[in-house]
Structure formats: C-alpha cells, structure tokens
Amino acid sequence: MNCFDCALAGRTTTAIGTCMSCGGGVCAAEVQLDVHELPHTGSPGNYTHRVTRSLICQTCAAVITEHLPDRGRSVKSVAGR
C-alpha cells in the first residue's frame, strides 16, 4: 500500500500504517500520532480511563486540531523520530 497524501502530491511512498480516521495509507513522513484516553469499564459502575494511541494522516490531524481543540492538543508529529 502507498501513502494516500503522497499519491495526491504525485509521489509514490510506501505506507507504514493506516489512518484510524479516514483509512488512507500513511507514510513515515506524513504520519501523526494521536494519544488520547478511552473510557474503560473495569466493573459495573467503576469506570477507568486508559491511554491509547492512533496513527492519523496530516489532513485528519488538521481537522481534529481545528474542530476538537481539547483532543487536538494530543496530536503530535512523529516524523524524524
């Protein structure tokens, strides 16, 4: 699979993963890491949160940052890591 954003720009780059938001292929240069908490039910009435992470493309990262400002703070670039 190739990176969707790179393909739109006329480049062919191998994808390292899939965007959890739109499902497009994401390469190492375009990938963003979305770290967020998910509610988890330990037992009835006892909710906990666990931290998880998702790979997302730069296009979806921009939408999350603009429209979900609280969650947008957790989106980090991982290029050059």
PDB file of N, CA and C in Angstrom:
ATOM      1  N   MET A   1       0.849  -1.164   0.000  1.00  0.00           N
ATOM      2  CA  MET A   1       0.000   0.000   0.000  1.00  0.00           C
ATOM      3  C   MET A   1       0.902   1.236   0.000  1.00  0.00           C
ATOM      4  N   ASN A   2       0.437   2.289  -0.664  1.00  0.00           N
ATOM      5  CA  ASN A   2       1.172   3.542  -0.723  1.00  0.00           C
ATOM      6  C   ASN A   2       0.470   4.617   0.101  1.00  0.00           C
ATOM      7  N   CYS A   3       1.222   5.644   0.456  1.00  0.00           N
ATOM      8  CA  CYS A   3       0.696   6.776   1.216  1.00  0.00           C
ATOM      9  C   CYS A   3      -0.295   7.553   0.353  1.00  0.00           C
ATOM     10  N   PHE A   4      -1.480   7.786   0.885  1.00  0.00           N
ATOM     11  CA  PHE A   4      -2.528   8.481   0.145  1.00  0.00           C
ATOM     12  C   PHE A   4      -2.165   9.945  -0.098  1.00  0.00           C
ATOM     13  N   ASP A   5      -1.699  10.659   0.932  1.00  0.00           N
ATOM     14  CA  ASP A   5      -1.352  12.078   0.776  1.00  0.00           C
ATOM     15  C   ASP A   5      -0.202  12.270  -0.212  1.00  0.00           C
ATOM     16  N   CYS A   6       0.789  11.385  -0.174  1.00  0.00           N
ATOM     17  CA  CYS A   6       1.895  11.471  -1.127  1.00  0.00           C
ATOM     18  C   CYS A   6       1.406  11.225  -2.551  1.00  0.00           C
ATOM     19  N   ALA A   7       0.499  10.278  -2.723  1.00  0.00           N
ATOM     20  CA  ALA A   7      -0.054   9.990  -4.048  1.00  0.00           C
ATOM     21  C   ALA A   7      -0.780  11.208  -4.609  1.00  0.00           C
ATOM     22  N   LEU A   8      -1.500  11.924  -3.751  1.00  0.00           N
ATOM     23  CA  LEU A   8      -2.177  13.142  -4.209  1.00  0.00           C
ATOM     24  C   LEU A   8      -1.184  14.209  -4.650  1.00  0.00           C
ATOM     25  N   ALA A   9       0.021  14.184  -4.054  1.00  0.00           N
ATOM     26  CA  ALA A   9       1.071  15.151  -4.395  1.00  0.00           C
ATOM     27  C   ALA A   9       1.951  14.662  -5.549  1.00  0.00           C
ATOM     28  N   GLY A  10       1.627  13.488  -6.113  1.00  0.00           N
ATOM     29  CA  GLY A  10       2.381  12.974  -7.249  1.00  0.00           C
ATOM     30  C   GLY A  10       3.602  12.159  -6.880  1.00  0.00           C
ATOM     31  N   ARG A  11       3.711  11.736  -5.626  1.00  0.00           N
ATOM     32  CA  ARG A  11       4.839  10.924  -5.179  1.00  0.00           C
ATOM     33  C   ARG A  11       4.353   9.511  -4.849  1.00  0.00           C
ATOM     34  N   THR A  12       5.243   8.537  -5.004  1.00  0.00           N
ATOM     35  CA  THR A  12       4.939   7.170  -4.602  1.00  0.00           C
ATOM     36  C   THR A  12       5.799   6.836  -3.394  1.00  0.00           C
ATOM     37  N   THR A  13       5.156   6.677  -2.237  1.00  0.00           N
ATOM     38  CA  THR A  13       5.840   6.390  -0.985  1.00  0.00           C
ATOM     39  C   THR A  13       5.122   5.238  -0.298  1.00  0.00           C
ATOM     40  N   THR A  14       5.877   4.279   0.196  1.00  0.00           N
ATOM     41  CA  THR A  14       5.297   3.129   0.883  1.00  0.00           C
ATOM     42  C   THR A  14       4.677   3.566   2.205  1.00  0.00           C
ATOM     43  N   ALA A  15       3.461   3.106   2.468  1.00  0.00           N
ATOM     44  CA  ALA A  15       2.772   3.409   3.719  1.00  0.00           C
ATOM     45  C   ALA A  15       3.312   2.531   4.842  1.00  0.00           C
ATOM     46  N   ILE A  16       3.390   3.105   6.042  1.00  0.00           N
ATOM     47  CA  ILE A  16       3.807   2.328   7.217  1.00  0.00           C
ATOM     48  C   ILE A  16       2.616   1.946   8.086  1.00  0.00           C
ATOM     49  N   GLY A  17       1.451   2.521   7.774  1.00  0.00           N
ATOM     50  CA  GLY A  17       0.257   2.241   8.557  1.00  0.00           C
ATOM     51  C   GLY A  17      -0.970   2.816   7.883  1.00  0.00           C
ATOM     52  N   THR A  18      -2.078   2.758   8.594  1.00  0.00           N
ATOM     53  CA  THR A  18      -3.358   3.231   8.086  1.00  0.00           C
ATOM     54  C   THR A  18      -3.919   4.272   9.041  1.00  0.00           C
ATOM     55  N   CYS A  19      -4.417   5.387   8.494  1.00  0.00           N
ATOM     56  CA  CYS A  19      -5.032   6.431   9.307  1.00  0.00           C
ATOM     57  C   CYS A  19      -6.282   5.869   9.975  1.00  0.00           C
ATOM     58  N   MET A  20      -6.364   6.010  11.286  1.00  0.00           N
ATOM     59  CA  MET A  20      -7.511   5.498  12.027  1.00  0.00           C
ATOM     60  C   MET A  20      -8.770   6.338  11.805  1.00  0.00           C
ATOM     61  N   SER A  21      -8.620   7.511  11.217  1.00  0.00           N
ATOM     62  CA  SER A  21      -9.772   8.368  10.986  1.00  0.00           C
ATOM     63  C   SER A  21     -10.380   8.151   9.606  1.00  0.00           C
ATOM     64  N   CYS A  22      -9.556   8.209   8.551  1.00  0.00           N
ATOM     65  CA  CYS A  22     -10.083   8.105   7.183  1.00  0.00           C
ATOM     66  C   CYS A  22      -9.766   6.781   6.504  1.00  0.00           C
ATOM     67  N   GLY A  23      -8.809   6.009   7.031  1.00  0.00           N
ATOM     68  CA  GLY A  23      -8.473   4.719   6.454  1.00  0.00           C
ATOM     69  C   GLY A  23      -7.437   4.762   5.350  1.00  0.00           C
ATOM     70  N   GLY A  24      -6.908   5.936   5.023  1.00  0.00           N
ATOM     71  CA  GLY A  24      -5.892   6.059   3.990  1.00  0.00           C
ATOM     72  C   GLY A  24      -4.531   5.594   4.479  1.00  0.00           C
ATOM     73  N   GLY A  25      -3.686   5.162   3.545  1.00  0.00           N
ATOM     74  CA  GLY A  25      -2.328   4.780   3.887  1.00  0.00           C
ATOM     75  C   GLY A  25      -1.531   6.000   4.320  1.00  0.00           C
ATOM     76  N   VAL A  26      -0.618   5.819   5.285  1.00  0.00           N
ATOM     77  CA  VAL A  26       0.187   6.917   5.826  1.00  0.00           C
ATOM     78  C   VAL A  26       1.652   6.508   5.823  1.00  0.00           C
ATOM     79  N   CYS A  27       2.539   7.369   5.273  1.00  0.00           N
ATOM     80  CA  CYS A  27       3.969   7.084   5.269  1.00  0.00           C
ATOM     81  C   CYS A  27       4.625   7.689   6.506  1.00  0.00           C
ATOM     82  N   ALA A  28       5.898   7.375   6.707  1.00  0.00           N
ATOM     83  CA  ALA A  28       6.624   7.855   7.887  1.00  0.00           C
ATOM     84  C   ALA A  28       6.733   9.378   7.917  1.00  0.00           C
ATOM     85  N   ALA A  29       6.781  10.014   6.756  1.00  0.00           N
ATOM     86  CA  ALA A  29       6.921  11.471   6.716  1.00  0.00           C
ATOM     87  C   ALA A  29       5.600  12.192   6.995  1.00  0.00           C
ATOM     88  N   GLU A  30       4.485  11.560   6.735  1.00  0.00           N
ATOM     89  CA  GLU A  30       3.177  12.203   6.857  1.00  0.00           C
ATOM     90  C   GLU A  30       2.419  11.825   8.126  1.00  0.00           C
ATOM     91  N   VAL A  31       2.882  10.827   8.856  1.00  0.00           N
ATOM     92  CA  VAL A  31       2.122  10.287   9.987  1.00  0.00           C
ATOM     93  C   VAL A  31       2.108  11.232  11.186  1.00  0.00           C
ATOM     94  N   GLN A  32       0.986  11.248  11.885  1.00  0.00           N
ATOM     95  CA  GLN A  32       0.819  11.973  13.135  1.00  0.00           C
ATOM     96  C   GLN A  32       0.370  10.949  14.170  1.00  0.00           C
ATOM     97  N   LEU A  33       0.693  11.180  15.406  1.00  0.00           N
ATOM     98  CA  LEU A  33       0.315  10.275  16.483  1.00  0.00           C
ATOM     99  C   LEU A  33      -0.722  10.959  17.362  1.00  0.00           C
ATOM    100  N   ASP A  34      -1.892  10.354  17.482  1.00  0.00           N
ATOM    101  CA  ASP A  34      -2.967  10.883  18.312  1.00  0.00           C
ATOM    102  C   ASP A  34      -3.010  10.060  19.597  1.00  0.00           C
ATOM    103  N   VAL A  35      -2.602  10.664  20.706  1.00  0.00           N
ATOM    104  CA  VAL A  35      -2.615   9.991  22.004  1.00  0.00           C
ATOM    105  C   VAL A  35      -3.823  10.517  22.768  1.00  0.00           C
ATOM    106  N   HIS A  36      -4.689   9.610  23.201  1.00  0.00           N
ATOM    107  CA  HIS A  36      -5.904  10.028  23.890  1.00  0.00           C
ATOM    108  C   HIS A  36      -6.347   8.970  24.894  1.00  0.00           C
ATOM    109  N   GLU A  37      -7.264   9.362  25.757  1.00  0.00           N
ATOM    110  CA  GLU A  37      -7.792   8.450  26.769  1.00  0.00           C
ATOM    111  C   GLU A  37      -9.109   7.855  26.301  1.00  0.00           C
ATOM    112  N   LEU A  38      -9.276   6.575  26.560  1.00  0.00           N
ATOM    113  CA  LEU A  38     -10.535   5.891  26.277  1.00  0.00           C
ATOM    114  C   LEU A  38     -11.156   5.445  27.589  1.00  0.00           C
ATOM    115  N   PRO A  39     -12.476   5.662  27.739  1.00  0.00           N
ATOM    116  CA  PRO A  39     -13.120   5.148  28.947  1.00  0.00           C
ATOM    117  C   PRO A  39     -13.139   3.620  28.900  1.00  0.00           C
ATOM    118  N   HIS A  40     -12.918   3.014  30.007  1.00  0.00           N
ATOM    119  CA  HIS A  40     -12.860   1.556  30.097  1.00  0.00           C
ATOM    120  C   HIS A  40     -13.640   1.134  31.344  1.00  0.00           C
ATOM    121  N   THR A  41     -14.527   0.182  31.183  1.00  0.00           N
ATOM    122  CA  THR A  41     -15.308  -0.288  32.316  1.00  0.00           C
ATOM    123  C   THR A  41     -14.564  -1.420  33.003  1.00  0.00           C
ATOM    124  N   GLY A  42     -14.050  -1.146  34.194  1.00  0.00           N
ATOM    125  CA  GLY A  42     -13.376  -2.175  34.981  1.00  0.00           C
ATOM    126  C   GLY A  42     -14.384  -3.154  35.548  1.00  0.00           C
ATOM    127  N   SER A  43     -15.462  -2.630  36.066  1.00  0.00           N
ATOM    128  CA  SER A  43     -16.580  -3.416  36.579  1.00  0.00           C
ATOM    129  C   SER A  43     -17.804  -2.505  36.526  1.00  0.00           C
ATOM    130  N   PRO A  44     -18.994  -3.043  36.624  1.00  0.00           N
ATOM    131  CA  PRO A  44     -20.178  -2.188  36.556  1.00  0.00           C
ATOM    132  C   PRO A  44     -20.103  -1.015  37.530  1.00  0.00           C
ATOM    133  N   GLY A  45     -20.260   0.183  37.002  1.00  0.00           N
ATOM    134  CA  GLY A  45     -20.223   1.380  37.826  1.00  0.00           C
ATOM    135  C   GLY A  45     -18.836   1.870  38.166  1.00  0.00           C
ATOM    136  N   ASN A  46     -17.801   1.151  37.740  1.00  0.00           N
ATOM    137  CA  ASN A  46     -16.421   1.529  38.043  1.00  0.00           C
ATOM    138  C   ASN A  46     -15.684   1.806  36.730  1.00  0.00           C
ATOM    139  N   TYR A  47     -15.756   3.061  36.265  1.00  0.00           N
ATOM    140  CA  TYR A  47     -15.138   3.427  35.006  1.00  0.00           C
ATOM    141  C   TYR A  47     -13.709   3.900  35.226  1.00  0.00           C
ATOM    142  N   THR A  48     -12.838   3.483  34.387  1.00  0.00           N
ATOM    143  CA  THR A  48     -11.455   3.949  34.396  1.00  0.00           C
ATOM    144  C   THR A  48     -11.136   4.465  33.012  1.00  0.00           C
ATOM    145  N   HIS A  49      -9.997   5.073  32.862  1.00  0.00           N
ATOM    146  CA  HIS A  49      -9.543   5.533  31.557  1.00  0.00           C
ATOM    147  C   HIS A  49      -8.194   4.901  31.272  1.00  0.00           C
ATOM    148  N   ARG A  50      -7.978   4.549  30.027  1.00  0.00           N
ATOM    149  CA  ARG A  50      -6.662   4.060  29.649  1.00  0.00           C
ATOM    150  C   ARG A  50      -6.176   4.874  28.461  1.00  0.00           C
ATOM    151  N   VAL A  51      -4.900   5.112  28.423  1.00  0.00           N
ATOM    152  CA  VAL A  51      -4.290   5.898  27.365  1.00  0.00           C
ATOM    153  C   VAL A  51      -4.010   4.979  26.184  1.00  0.00           C
ATOM    154  N   THR A  52      -4.360   5.453  25.005  1.00  0.00           N
ATOM    155  CA  THR A  52      -4.104   4.698  23.784  1.00  0.00           C
ATOM    156  C   THR A  52      -3.594   5.660  22.722  1.00  0.00           C
ATOM    157  N   ARG A  53      -3.140   5.131  21.640  1.00  0.00           N
ATOM    158  CA  ARG A  53      -2.629   5.978  20.562  1.00  0.00           C
ATOM    159  C   ARG A  53      -3.104   5.447  19.218  1.00  0.00           C
ATOM    160  N   SER A  54      -3.187   6.368  18.268  1.00  0.00           N
ATOM    161  CA  SER A  54      -3.634   6.038  16.924  1.00  0.00           C
ATOM    162  C   SER A  54      -2.765   6.770  15.914  1.00  0.00           C
ATOM    163  N   LEU A  55      -2.509   6.133  14.792  1.00  0.00           N
ATOM    164  CA  LEU A  55      -1.839   6.800  13.688  1.00  0.00           C
ATOM    165  C   LEU A  55      -2.895   7.526  12.871  1.00  0.00           C
ATOM    166  N   ILE A  56      -2.624   8.788  12.530  1.00  0.00           N
ATOM    167  CA  ILE A  56      -3.534   9.539  11.673  1.00  0.00           C
ATOM    168  C   ILE A  56      -2.732  10.326  10.651  1.00  0.00           C
ATOM    169  N   CYS A  57      -3.383  10.647   9.526  1.00  0.00           N
ATOM    170  CA  CYS A  57      -2.715  11.422   8.476  1.00  0.00           C
ATOM    171  C   CYS A  57      -2.736  12.904   8.843  1.00  0.00           C
ATOM    172  N   GLN A  58      -1.951  13.697   8.128  1.00  0.00           N
ATOM    173  CA  GLN A  58      -1.878  15.124   8.431  1.00  0.00           C
ATOM    174  C   GLN A  58      -3.197  15.834   8.169  1.00  0.00           C
ATOM    175  N   THR A  59      -3.947  15.379   7.160  1.00  0.00           N
ATOM    176  CA  THR A  59      -5.238  16.001   6.851  1.00  0.00           C
ATOM    177  C   THR A  59      -6.210  15.811   8.008  1.00  0.00           C
ATOM    178  N   CYS A  60      -6.313  14.584   8.514  1.00  0.00           N
ATOM    179  CA  CYS A  60      -7.210  14.319   9.645  1.00  0.00           C
ATOM    180  C   CYS A  60      -6.707  15.002  10.911  1.00  0.00           C
ATOM    181  N   ALA A  61      -5.390  15.090  11.103  1.00  0.00           N
ATOM    182  CA  ALA A  61      -4.826  15.771  12.270  1.00  0.00           C
ATOM    183  C   ALA A  61      -5.228  17.245  12.269  1.00  0.00           C
ATOM    184  N   ALA A  62      -5.227  17.871  11.095  1.00  0.00           N
ATOM    185  CA  ALA A  62      -5.624  19.277  10.997  1.00  0.00           C
ATOM    186  C   ALA A  62      -7.095  19.460  11.353  1.00  0.00           C
ATOM    187  N   VAL A  63      -7.948  18.538  10.921  1.00  0.00           N
ATOM    188  CA  VAL A  63      -9.374  18.618  11.237  1.00  0.00           C
ATOM    189  C   VAL A  63      -9.599  18.422  12.730  1.00  0.00           C
ATOM    190  N   ILE A  64      -8.921  17.443  13.328  1.00  0.00           N
ATOM    191  CA  ILE A  64      -9.062  17.201  14.763  1.00  0.00           C
ATOM    192  C   ILE A  64      -8.606  18.421  15.554  1.00  0.00           C
ATOM    193  N   THR A  65      -7.480  19.000  15.169  1.00  0.00           N
ATOM    194  CA  THR A  65      -6.937  20.160  15.876  1.00  0.00           C
ATOM    195  C   THR A  65      -7.872  21.358  15.771  1.00  0.00           C
ATOM    196  N   GLU A  66      -8.496  21.546  14.593  1.00  0.00           N
ATOM    197  CA  GLU A  66      -9.380  22.699  14.390  1.00  0.00           C
ATOM    198  C   GLU A  66     -10.741  22.515  15.053  1.00  0.00           C
ATOM    199  N   HIS A  67     -11.330  21.349  14.916  1.00  0.00           N
ATOM    200  CA  HIS A  67     -12.709  21.157  15.361  1.00  0.00           C
ATOM    201  C   HIS A  67     -12.858  20.498  16.734  1.00  0.00           C
ATOM    202  N   LEU A  68     -11.813  19.870  17.224  1.00  0.00           N
ATOM    203  CA  LEU A  68     -11.829  19.254  18.554  1.00  0.00           C
ATOM    204  C   LEU A  68     -10.610  19.749  19.330  1.00  0.00           C
ATOM    205  N   PRO A  69     -10.615  21.013  19.748  1.00  0.00           N
ATOM    206  CA  PRO A  69      -9.409  21.605  20.334  1.00  0.00           C
ATOM    207  C   PRO A  69      -8.856  20.855  21.541  1.00  0.00           C
ATOM    208  N   ASP A  70      -9.709  20.288  22.377  1.00  0.00           N
ATOM    209  CA  ASP A  70      -9.195  19.543  23.534  1.00  0.00           C
ATOM    210  C   ASP A  70      -8.436  18.305  23.096  1.00  0.00           C
ATOM    211  N   ARG A  71      -8.957  17.594  22.124  1.00  0.00           N
ATOM    212  CA  ARG A  71      -8.285  16.394  21.627  1.00  0.00           C
ATOM    213  C   ARG A  71      -7.114  16.766  20.715  1.00  0.00           C
ATOM    214  N   GLY A  72      -7.218  17.900  20.030  1.00  0.00           N
ATOM    215  CA  GLY A  72      -6.159  18.334  19.119  1.00  0.00           C
ATOM    216  C   GLY A  72      -4.827  18.562  19.792  1.00  0.00           C
ATOM    217  N   ARG A  73      -4.855  18.886  21.093  1.00  0.00           N
ATOM    218  CA  ARG A  73      -3.597  19.093  21.811  1.00  0.00           C
ATOM    219  C   ARG A  73      -2.786  17.814  21.923  1.00  0.00           C
ATOM    220  N   SER A  74      -3.438  16.667  21.747  1.00  0.00           N
ATOM    221  CA  SER A  74      -2.738  15.385  21.895  1.00  0.00           C
ATOM    222  C   SER A  74      -2.121  14.894  20.597  1.00  0.00           C
ATOM    223  N   VAL A  75      -2.369  15.588  19.487  1.00  0.00           N
ATOM    224  CA  VAL A  75      -1.855  15.155  18.181  1.00  0.00           C
ATOM    225  C   VAL A  75      -0.418  15.650  18.031  1.00  0.00           C
ATOM    226  N   LYS A  76       0.495  14.731  17.792  1.00  0.00           N
ATOM    227  CA  LYS A  76       1.916  15.051  17.691  1.00  0.00           C
ATOM    228  C   LYS A  76       2.485  14.509  16.390  1.00  0.00           C
ATOM    229  N   SER A  77       3.399  15.244  15.813  1.00  0.00           N
ATOM    230  CA  SER A  77       4.125  14.758  14.650  1.00  0.00           C
ATOM    231  C   SER A  77       5.166  13.756  15.103  1.00  0.00           C
ATOM    232  N   VAL A  78       5.322  12.679  14.358  1.00  0.00           N
ATOM    233  CA  VAL A  78       6.342  11.691  14.699  1.00  0.00           C
ATOM    234  C   VAL A  78       7.380  11.575  13.592  1.00  0.00           C
ATOM    235  N   ALA A  79       7.349  12.464  12.627  1.00  0.00           N
ATOM    236  CA  ALA A  79       8.328  12.449  11.540  1.00  0.00           C
ATOM    237  C   ALA A  79       9.712  12.719  12.105  1.00  0.00           C
ATOM    238  N   GLY A  80      10.696  12.004  11.616  1.00  0.00           N
ATOM    239  CA  GLY A  80      12.061  12.180  12.054  1.00  0.00           C
ATOM    240  C   GLY A  80      12.374  11.524  13.366  1.00  0.00           C
ATOM    241  N   ARG A  81      11.472  10.732  13.867  1.00  0.00           N
ATOM    242  CA  ARG A  81      11.648  10.039  15.141  1.00  0.00           C
ATOM    243  C   ARG A  81      12.589   8.887  15.042  1.00  0.00           C
TER     244      ARG A  81
END
